[in-house]
Amino acid sequence: MTTGAAGILDDPELKLWADAGVTEKQLKEWMREFDSTSEEIVASLRYAAHDILKRNNVKNPVNSFYQVMIRDGRYPRPQSYAY
């Protein structure tokens, strides 16, 4: 579900976020809110998606991601992330 020309959410690693209803507009808002570049927000989304899919117990991925971002300003790279 992409809404912008950038197509960030077209990345297969970010499918979780597109499926959860995150839009390109939301990504831009998060970039402003967390003072992040598109590369930084994409890295955080990739790390979070990997972590959430591995844990398989997160009911609301968007809220989980957002809570970590509020606390830390970025989503830390999981040790098991090997990409």
PDB file of N, CA and C in Angstrom:
ATOM      1  N   MET A   1       0.838  -1.176   0.000  1.00  0.00           N
ATOM      2  CA  MET A   1       0.000   0.000   0.000  1.00  0.00           C
ATOM      3  C   MET A   1       0.884   1.240   0.000  1.00  0.00           C
ATOM      4  N   THR A   2       1.313   1.666  -1.138  1.00  0.00           N
ATOM      5  CA  THR A   2       2.128   2.875  -1.216  1.00  0.00           C
ATOM      6  C   THR A   2       1.259   4.007  -1.719  1.00  0.00           C
ATOM      7  N   THR A   3       1.572   5.200  -1.249  1.00  0.00           N
ATOM      8  CA  THR A   3       0.792   6.351  -1.692  1.00  0.00           C
ATOM      9  C   THR A   3       1.674   7.429  -2.295  1.00  0.00           C
ATOM     10  N   GLY A   4       2.986   7.271  -2.206  1.00  0.00           N
ATOM     11  CA  GLY A   4       3.892   8.298  -2.713  1.00  0.00           C
ATOM     12  C   GLY A   4       4.725   7.794  -3.855  1.00  0.00           C
ATOM     13  N   ALA A   5       5.364   8.708  -4.535  1.00  0.00           N
ATOM     14  CA  ALA A   5       6.184   8.352  -5.680  1.00  0.00           C
ATOM     15  C   ALA A   5       7.443   7.606  -5.270  1.00  0.00           C
ATOM     16  N   ALA A   6       7.909   7.813  -4.047  1.00  0.00           N
ATOM     17  CA  ALA A   6       9.158   7.201  -3.612  1.00  0.00           C
ATOM     18  C   ALA A   6       9.057   5.685  -3.589  1.00  0.00           C
ATOM     19  N   GLY A   7       7.916   5.147  -3.208  1.00  0.00           N
ATOM     20  CA  GLY A   7       7.727   3.708  -3.206  1.00  0.00           C
ATOM     21  C   GLY A   7       8.564   2.965  -2.183  1.00  0.00           C
ATOM     22  N   ILE A   8       8.879   3.599  -1.068  1.00  0.00           N
ATOM     23  CA  ILE A   8       9.689   2.963  -0.027  1.00  0.00           C
ATOM     24  C   ILE A   8       9.070   1.640   0.411  1.00  0.00           C
ATOM     25  N   LEU A   9       7.757   1.622   0.534  1.00  0.00           N
ATOM     26  CA  LEU A   9       7.075   0.421   1.030  1.00  0.00           C
ATOM     27  C   LEU A   9       6.957  -0.681  -0.018  1.00  0.00           C
ATOM     28  N   ASP A  10       7.478  -0.426  -1.223  1.00  0.00           N
ATOM     29  CA  ASP A  10       7.512  -1.479  -2.243  1.00  0.00           C
ATOM     30  C   ASP A  10       8.621  -2.485  -1.961  1.00  0.00           C
ATOM     31  N   ASP A  11       9.541  -2.128  -1.092  1.00  0.00           N
ATOM     32  CA  ASP A  11      10.646  -3.011  -0.714  1.00  0.00           C
ATOM     33  C   ASP A  11      10.067  -4.265  -0.046  1.00  0.00           C
ATOM     34  N   PRO A  12      10.421  -5.471  -0.528  1.00  0.00           N
ATOM     35  CA  PRO A  12       9.877  -6.704   0.051  1.00  0.00           C
ATOM     36  C   PRO A  12      10.153  -6.854   1.552  1.00  0.00           C
ATOM     37  N   GLU A  13      11.257  -6.298   2.027  1.00  0.00           N
ATOM     38  CA  GLU A  13      11.563  -6.373   3.458  1.00  0.00           C
ATOM     39  C   GLU A  13      10.604  -5.531   4.295  1.00  0.00           C
ATOM     40  N   LEU A  14       9.886  -4.643   3.649  1.00  0.00           N
ATOM     41  CA  LEU A  14       8.976  -3.750   4.357  1.00  0.00           C
ATOM     42  C   LEU A  14       7.508  -4.126   4.160  1.00  0.00           C
ATOM     43  N   LYS A  15       7.259  -5.322   3.627  1.00  0.00           N
ATOM     44  CA  LYS A  15       5.900  -5.788   3.370  1.00  0.00           C
ATOM     45  C   LYS A  15       5.045  -5.766   4.631  1.00  0.00           C
ATOM     46  N   LEU A  16       5.629  -6.123   5.762  1.00  0.00           N
ATOM     47  CA  LEU A  16       4.897  -6.118   7.028  1.00  0.00           C
ATOM     48  C   LEU A  16       4.234  -4.764   7.269  1.00  0.00           C
ATOM     49  N   TRP A  17       4.969  -3.688   6.972  1.00  0.00           N
ATOM     50  CA  TRP A  17       4.464  -2.342   7.238  1.00  0.00           C
ATOM     51  C   TRP A  17       3.373  -1.947   6.252  1.00  0.00           C
ATOM     52  N   ALA A  18       3.563  -2.266   4.995  1.00  0.00           N
ATOM     53  CA  ALA A  18       2.524  -1.984   4.007  1.00  0.00           C
ATOM     54  C   ALA A  18       1.254  -2.754   4.361  1.00  0.00           C
ATOM     55  N   ASP A  19       1.412  -4.022   4.745  1.00  0.00           N
ATOM     56  CA  ASP A  19       0.259  -4.846   5.122  1.00  0.00           C
ATOM     57  C   ASP A  19      -0.422  -4.328   6.386  1.00  0.00           C
ATOM     58  N   ALA A  20       0.344  -3.676   7.254  1.00  0.00           N
ATOM     59  CA  ALA A  20      -0.208  -3.130   8.502  1.00  0.00           C
ATOM     60  C   ALA A  20      -0.865  -1.762   8.293  1.00  0.00           C
ATOM     61  N   GLY A  21      -0.809  -1.255   7.071  1.00  0.00           N
ATOM     62  CA  GLY A  21      -1.478   0.000   6.760  1.00  0.00           C
ATOM     63  C   GLY A  21      -0.609   1.242   6.835  1.00  0.00           C
ATOM     64  N   VAL A  22       0.688   1.068   7.036  1.00  0.00           N
ATOM     65  CA  VAL A  22       1.593   2.221   7.033  1.00  0.00           C
ATOM     66  C   VAL A  22       1.653   2.767   5.605  1.00  0.00           C
ATOM     67  N   THR A  23       1.633   4.073   5.491  1.00  0.00           N
ATOM     68  CA  THR A  23       1.665   4.722   4.179  1.00  0.00           C
ATOM     69  C   THR A  23       2.953   5.516   4.018  1.00  0.00           C
ATOM     70  N   GLU A  24       3.233   5.908   2.801  1.00  0.00           N
ATOM     71  CA  GLU A  24       4.388   6.762   2.537  1.00  0.00           C
ATOM     72  C   GLU A  24       4.245   8.080   3.305  1.00  0.00           C
ATOM     73  N   LYS A  25       3.023   8.585   3.407  1.00  0.00           N
ATOM     74  CA  LYS A  25       2.777   9.815   4.170  1.00  0.00           C
ATOM     75  C   LYS A  25       3.172   9.613   5.639  1.00  0.00           C
ATOM     76  N   GLN A  26       2.811   8.459   6.204  1.00  0.00           N
ATOM     77  CA  GLN A  26       3.170   8.165   7.594  1.00  0.00           C
ATOM     78  C   GLN A  26       4.688   8.110   7.757  1.00  0.00           C
ATOM     79  N   LEU A  27       5.379   7.520   6.800  1.00  0.00           N
ATOM     80  CA  LEU A  27       6.840   7.461   6.865  1.00  0.00           C
ATOM     81  C   LEU A  27       7.439   8.863   6.902  1.00  0.00           C
ATOM     82  N   LYS A  28       6.904   9.767   6.084  1.00  0.00           N
ATOM     83  CA  LYS A  28       7.402  11.139   6.067  1.00  0.00           C
ATOM     84  C   LYS A  28       7.151  11.821   7.409  1.00  0.00           C
ATOM     85  N   GLU A  29       6.001  11.557   8.003  1.00  0.00           N
ATOM     86  CA  GLU A  29       5.705  12.131   9.319  1.00  0.00           C
ATOM     87  C   GLU A  29       6.677  11.596  10.366  1.00  0.00           C
ATOM     88  N   TRP A  30       6.961  10.297  10.313  1.00  0.00           N
ATOM     89  CA  TRP A  30       7.926   9.710  11.253  1.00  0.00           C
ATOM     90  C   TRP A  30       9.317  10.284  11.033  1.00  0.00           C
ATOM     91  N   MET A  31       9.704  10.500   9.788  1.00  0.00           N
ATOM     92  CA  MET A  31      11.020  11.093   9.520  1.00  0.00           C
ATOM     93  C   MET A  31      11.128  12.461  10.171  1.00  0.00           C
ATOM     94  N   ARG A  32      10.080  13.241  10.066  1.00  0.00           N
ATOM     95  CA  ARG A  32      10.075  14.562  10.713  1.00  0.00           C
ATOM     96  C   ARG A  32      10.083  14.414  12.234  1.00  0.00           C
ATOM     97  N   GLU A  33       9.199  13.567  12.745  1.00  0.00           N
ATOM     98  CA  GLU A  33       9.064  13.416  14.190  1.00  0.00           C
ATOM     99  C   GLU A  33      10.359  12.942  14.845  1.00  0.00           C
ATOM    100  N   PHE A  34      11.039  11.997  14.215  1.00  0.00           N
ATOM    101  CA  PHE A  34      12.243  11.407  14.804  1.00  0.00           C
ATOM    102  C   PHE A  34      13.524  11.994  14.219  1.00  0.00           C
ATOM    103  N   ASP A  35      13.377  13.046  13.422  1.00  0.00           N
ATOM    104  CA  ASP A  35      14.518  13.714  12.798  1.00  0.00           C
ATOM    105  C   ASP A  35      15.438  12.693  12.116  1.00  0.00           C
ATOM    106  N   SER A  36      14.809  11.855  11.283  1.00  0.00           N
ATOM    107  CA  SER A  36      15.512  10.768  10.601  1.00  0.00           C
ATOM    108  C   SER A  36      15.510  10.983   9.096  1.00  0.00           C
ATOM    109  N   THR A  37      16.550  10.475   8.457  1.00  0.00           N
ATOM    110  CA  THR A  37      16.571  10.445   6.993  1.00  0.00           C
ATOM    111  C   THR A  37      15.733   9.257   6.540  1.00  0.00           C
ATOM    112  N   SER A  38      15.440   9.205   5.259  1.00  0.00           N
ATOM    113  CA  SER A  38      14.694   8.050   4.750  1.00  0.00           C
ATOM    114  C   SER A  38      15.492   6.765   4.955  1.00  0.00           C
ATOM    115  N   GLU A  39      16.818   6.841   4.810  1.00  0.00           N
ATOM    116  CA  GLU A  39      17.651   5.654   5.017  1.00  0.00           C
ATOM    117  C   GLU A  39      17.582   5.174   6.466  1.00  0.00           C
ATOM    118  N   GLU A  40      17.574   6.121   7.401  1.00  0.00           N
ATOM    119  CA  GLU A  40      17.513   5.753   8.823  1.00  0.00           C
ATOM    120  C   GLU A  40      16.163   5.145   9.189  1.00  0.00           C
ATOM    121  N   ILE A  41      15.077   5.712   8.677  1.00  0.00           N
ATOM    122  CA  ILE A  41      13.751   5.178   9.002  1.00  0.00           C
ATOM    123  C   ILE A  41      13.569   3.812   8.348  1.00  0.00           C
ATOM    124  N   VAL A  42      14.084   3.644   7.132  1.00  0.00           N
ATOM    125  CA  VAL A  42      13.980   2.342   6.449  1.00  0.00           C
ATOM    126  C   VAL A  42      14.778   1.287   7.212  1.00  0.00           C
ATOM    127  N   ALA A  43      15.965   1.631   7.680  1.00  0.00           N
ATOM    128  CA  ALA A  43      16.756   0.674   8.470  1.00  0.00           C
ATOM    129  C   ALA A  43      15.996   0.283   9.728  1.00  0.00           C
ATOM    130  N   SER A  44      15.419   1.249  10.411  1.00  0.00           N
ATOM    131  CA  SER A  44      14.641   0.939  11.622  1.00  0.00           C
ATOM    132  C   SER A  44      13.453   0.051  11.292  1.00  0.00           C
ATOM    133  N   LEU A  45      12.763   0.334  10.187  1.00  0.00           N
ATOM    134  CA  LEU A  45      11.620  -0.498   9.786  1.00  0.00           C
ATOM    135  C   LEU A  45      12.058  -1.919   9.440  1.00  0.00           C
ATOM    136  N   ARG A  46      13.189  -2.044   8.759  1.00  0.00           N
ATOM    137  CA  ARG A  46      13.705  -3.389   8.430  1.00  0.00           C
ATOM    138  C   ARG A  46      14.048  -4.157   9.695  1.00  0.00           C
ATOM    139  N   TYR A  47      14.755  -3.519  10.618  1.00  0.00           N
ATOM    140  CA  TYR A  47      15.141  -4.177  11.860  1.00  0.00           C
ATOM    141  C   TYR A  47      13.905  -4.580  12.662  1.00  0.00           C
ATOM    142  N   ALA A  48      12.941  -3.667  12.736  1.00  0.00           N
ATOM    143  CA  ALA A  48      11.724  -3.953  13.492  1.00  0.00           C
ATOM    144  C   ALA A  48      10.937  -5.097  12.853  1.00  0.00           C
ATOM    145  N   ALA A  49      10.804  -5.082  11.543  1.00  0.00           N
ATOM    146  CA  ALA A  49      10.071  -6.153  10.861  1.00  0.00           C
ATOM    147  C   ALA A  49      10.735  -7.496  11.123  1.00  0.00           C
ATOM    148  N   HIS A  50      12.046  -7.530  11.003  1.00  0.00           N
ATOM    149  CA  HIS A  50      12.782  -8.766  11.261  1.00  0.00           C
ATOM    150  C   HIS A  50      12.532  -9.248  12.691  1.00  0.00           C
ATOM    151  N   ASP A  51      12.663  -8.341  13.638  1.00  0.00           N
ATOM    152  CA  ASP A  51      12.480  -8.657  15.045  1.00  0.00           C
ATOM    153  C   ASP A  51      11.052  -9.129  15.333  1.00  0.00           C
ATOM    154  N   ILE A  52      10.080  -8.418  14.821  1.00  0.00           N
ATOM    155  CA  ILE A  52       8.669  -8.747  15.061  1.00  0.00           C
ATOM    156  C   ILE A  52       8.311 -10.088  14.446  1.00  0.00           C
ATOM    157  N   LEU A  53       8.755 -10.336  13.217  1.00  0.00           N
ATOM    158  CA  LEU A  53       8.450 -11.617  12.566  1.00  0.00           C
ATOM    159  C   LEU A  53       9.142 -12.777  13.274  1.00  0.00           C
ATOM    160  N   LYS A  54      10.343 -12.548  13.771  1.00  0.00           N
ATOM    161  CA  LYS A  54      11.072 -13.604  14.487  1.00  0.00           C
ATOM    162  C   LYS A  54      10.396 -13.917  15.823  1.00  0.00           C
ATOM    163  N   ARG A  55       9.966 -12.870  16.538  1.00  0.00           N
ATOM    164  CA  ARG A  55       9.319 -13.074  17.839  1.00  0.00           C
ATOM    165  C   ARG A  55       7.941 -13.690  17.680  1.00  0.00           C
ATOM    166  N   ASN A  56       7.235 -13.307  16.630  1.00  0.00           N
ATOM    167  CA  ASN A  56       5.928 -13.874  16.304  1.00  0.00           C
ATOM    168  C   ASN A  56       4.904 -13.744  17.436  1.00  0.00           C
ATOM    169  N   ASN A  57       5.027 -12.718  18.269  1.00  0.00           N
ATOM    170  CA  ASN A  57       4.055 -12.547  19.349  1.00  0.00           C
ATOM    171  C   ASN A  57       3.595 -11.098  19.491  1.00  0.00           C
ATOM    172  N   VAL A  58       3.825 -10.299  18.474  1.00  0.00           N
ATOM    173  CA  VAL A  58       3.459  -8.884  18.521  1.00  0.00           C
ATOM    174  C   VAL A  58       2.098  -8.717  17.860  1.00  0.00           C
ATOM    175  N   LYS A  59       1.150  -8.217  18.623  1.00  0.00           N
ATOM    176  CA  LYS A  59      -0.215  -8.068  18.105  1.00  0.00           C
ATOM    177  C   LYS A  59      -0.382  -6.830  17.232  1.00  0.00           C
ATOM    178  N   ASN A  60       0.343  -5.766  17.564  1.00  0.00           N
ATOM    179  CA  ASN A  60       0.227  -4.539  16.789  1.00  0.00           C
ATOM    180  C   ASN A  60       1.625  -4.036  16.431  1.00  0.00           C
ATOM    181  N   PRO A  61       2.134  -4.450  15.271  1.00  0.00           N
ATOM    182  CA  PRO A  61       3.495  -4.087  14.876  1.00  0.00           C
ATOM    183  C   PRO A  61       3.749  -2.579  14.836  1.00  0.00           C
ATOM    184  N   VAL A  62       2.770  -1.817  14.370  1.00  0.00           N
ATOM    185  CA  VAL A  62       2.965  -0.370  14.251  1.00  0.00           C
ATOM    186  C   VAL A  62       3.149   0.249  15.632  1.00  0.00           C
ATOM    187  N   ASN A  63       2.300  -0.120  16.577  1.00  0.00           N
ATOM    188  CA  ASN A  63       2.443   0.411  17.935  1.00  0.00           C
ATOM    189  C   ASN A  63       3.761  -0.015  18.566  1.00  0.00           C
ATOM    190  N   SER A  64       4.136  -1.259  18.358  1.00  0.00           N
ATOM    191  CA  SER A  64       5.394  -1.764  18.908  1.00  0.00           C
ATOM    192  C   SER A  64       6.577  -0.969  18.356  1.00  0.00           C
ATOM    193  N   PHE A  65       6.594  -0.780  17.041  1.00  0.00           N
ATOM    194  CA  PHE A  65       7.644   0.001  16.393  1.00  0.00           C
ATOM    195  C   PHE A  65       7.685   1.418  16.944  1.00  0.00           C
ATOM    196  N   TYR A  66       6.518   2.043  17.007  1.00  0.00           N
ATOM    197  CA  TYR A  66       6.438   3.432  17.431  1.00  0.00           C
ATOM    198  C   TYR A  66       6.921   3.605  18.873  1.00  0.00           C
ATOM    199  N   GLN A  67       6.582   2.674  19.746  1.00  0.00           N
ATOM    200  CA  GLN A  67       7.018   2.765  21.140  1.00  0.00           C
ATOM    201  C   GLN A  67       8.541   2.722  21.257  1.00  0.00           C
ATOM    202  N   VAL A  68       9.166   1.865  20.475  1.00  0.00           N
ATOM    203  CA  VAL A  68      10.635   1.796  20.492  1.00  0.00           C
ATOM    204  C   VAL A  68      11.221   3.089  19.926  1.00  0.00           C
ATOM    205  N   MET A  69      10.626   3.599  18.873  1.00  0.00           N
ATOM    206  CA  MET A  69      11.125   4.832  18.273  1.00  0.00           C
ATOM    207  C   MET A  69      11.001   6.003  19.242  1.00  0.00           C
ATOM    208  N   ILE A  70       9.898   6.083  19.963  1.00  0.00           N
ATOM    209  CA  ILE A  70       9.704   7.164  20.947  1.00  0.00           C
ATOM    210  C   ILE A  70      10.780   7.063  22.030  1.00  0.00           C
ATOM    211  N   ARG A  71      11.033   5.853  22.463  1.00  0.00           N
ATOM    212  CA  ARG A  71      11.999   5.640  23.547  1.00  0.00           C
ATOM    213  C   ARG A  71      13.435   5.863  23.090  1.00  0.00           C
ATOM    214  N   ASP A  72      13.802   5.317  21.914  1.00  0.00           N
ATOM    215  CA  ASP A  72      15.203   5.280  21.496  1.00  0.00           C
ATOM    216  C   ASP A  72      15.543   6.180  20.298  1.00  0.00           C
ATOM    217  N   GLY A  73      14.553   6.636  19.561  1.00  0.00           N
ATOM    218  CA  GLY A  73      14.808   7.452  18.378  1.00  0.00           C
ATOM    219  C   GLY A  73      15.183   6.644  17.149  1.00  0.00           C
ATOM    220  N   ARG A  74      15.343   5.367  17.320  1.00  0.00           N
ATOM    221  CA  ARG A  74      15.631   4.428  16.220  1.00  0.00           C
ATOM    222  C   ARG A  74      15.314   3.029  16.721  1.00  0.00           C
ATOM    223  N   TYR A  75      15.188   2.077  15.795  1.00  0.00           N
ATOM    224  CA  TYR A  75      14.977   0.692  16.191  1.00  0.00           C
ATOM    225  C   TYR A  75      16.334   0.002  16.114  1.00  0.00           C
ATOM    226  N   PRO A  76      16.807  -0.547  17.217  1.00  0.00           N
ATOM    227  CA  PRO A  76      18.141  -1.152  17.197  1.00  0.00           C
ATOM    228  C   PRO A  76      18.204  -2.400  16.316  1.00  0.00           C
ATOM    229  N   ARG A  77      19.356  -2.606  15.735  1.00  0.00           N
ATOM    230  CA  ARG A  77      19.563  -3.773  14.860  1.00  0.00           C
ATOM    231  C   ARG A  77      19.584  -5.050  15.709  1.00  0.00           C
ATOM    232  N   PRO A  78      18.667  -6.003  15.412  1.00  0.00           N
ATOM    233  CA  PRO A  78      18.679  -7.260  16.143  1.00  0.00           C
ATOM    234  C   PRO A  78      19.953  -8.056  15.824  1.00  0.00           C
ATOM    235  N   GLN A  79      20.459  -8.775  16.785  1.00  0.00           N
ATOM    236  CA  GLN A  79      21.674  -9.588  16.556  1.00  0.00           C
ATOM    237  C   GLN A  79      21.463 -10.595  15.443  1.00  0.00           C
ATOM    238  N   SER A  80      20.220 -11.086  15.307  1.00  0.00           N
ATOM    239  CA  SER A  80      19.951 -12.108  14.302  1.00  0.00           C
ATOM    240  C   SER A  80      19.743 -11.523  12.897  1.00  0.00           C
ATOM    241  N   TYR A  81      19.785 -10.215  12.754  1.00  0.00           N
ATOM    242  CA  TYR A  81      19.604  -9.586  11.447  1.00  0.00           C
ATOM    243  C   TYR A  81      20.907  -9.694  10.677  1.00  0.00           C
ATOM    244  N   ALA A  82      20.874 -10.446   9.593  1.00  0.00           N
ATOM    245  CA  ALA A  82      22.115 -10.748   8.861  1.00  0.00           C
ATOM    246  C   ALA A  82      22.139 -10.165   7.453  1.00  0.00           C
ATOM    247  N   TYR A  83      21.236  -9.273   7.110  1.00  0.00           N
ATOM    248  CA  TYR A  83      21.193  -8.742   5.742  1.00  0.00           C
ATOM    249  C   TYR A  83      22.163  -7.622   5.539  1.00  0.00           C
TER     250      TYR A  83
END
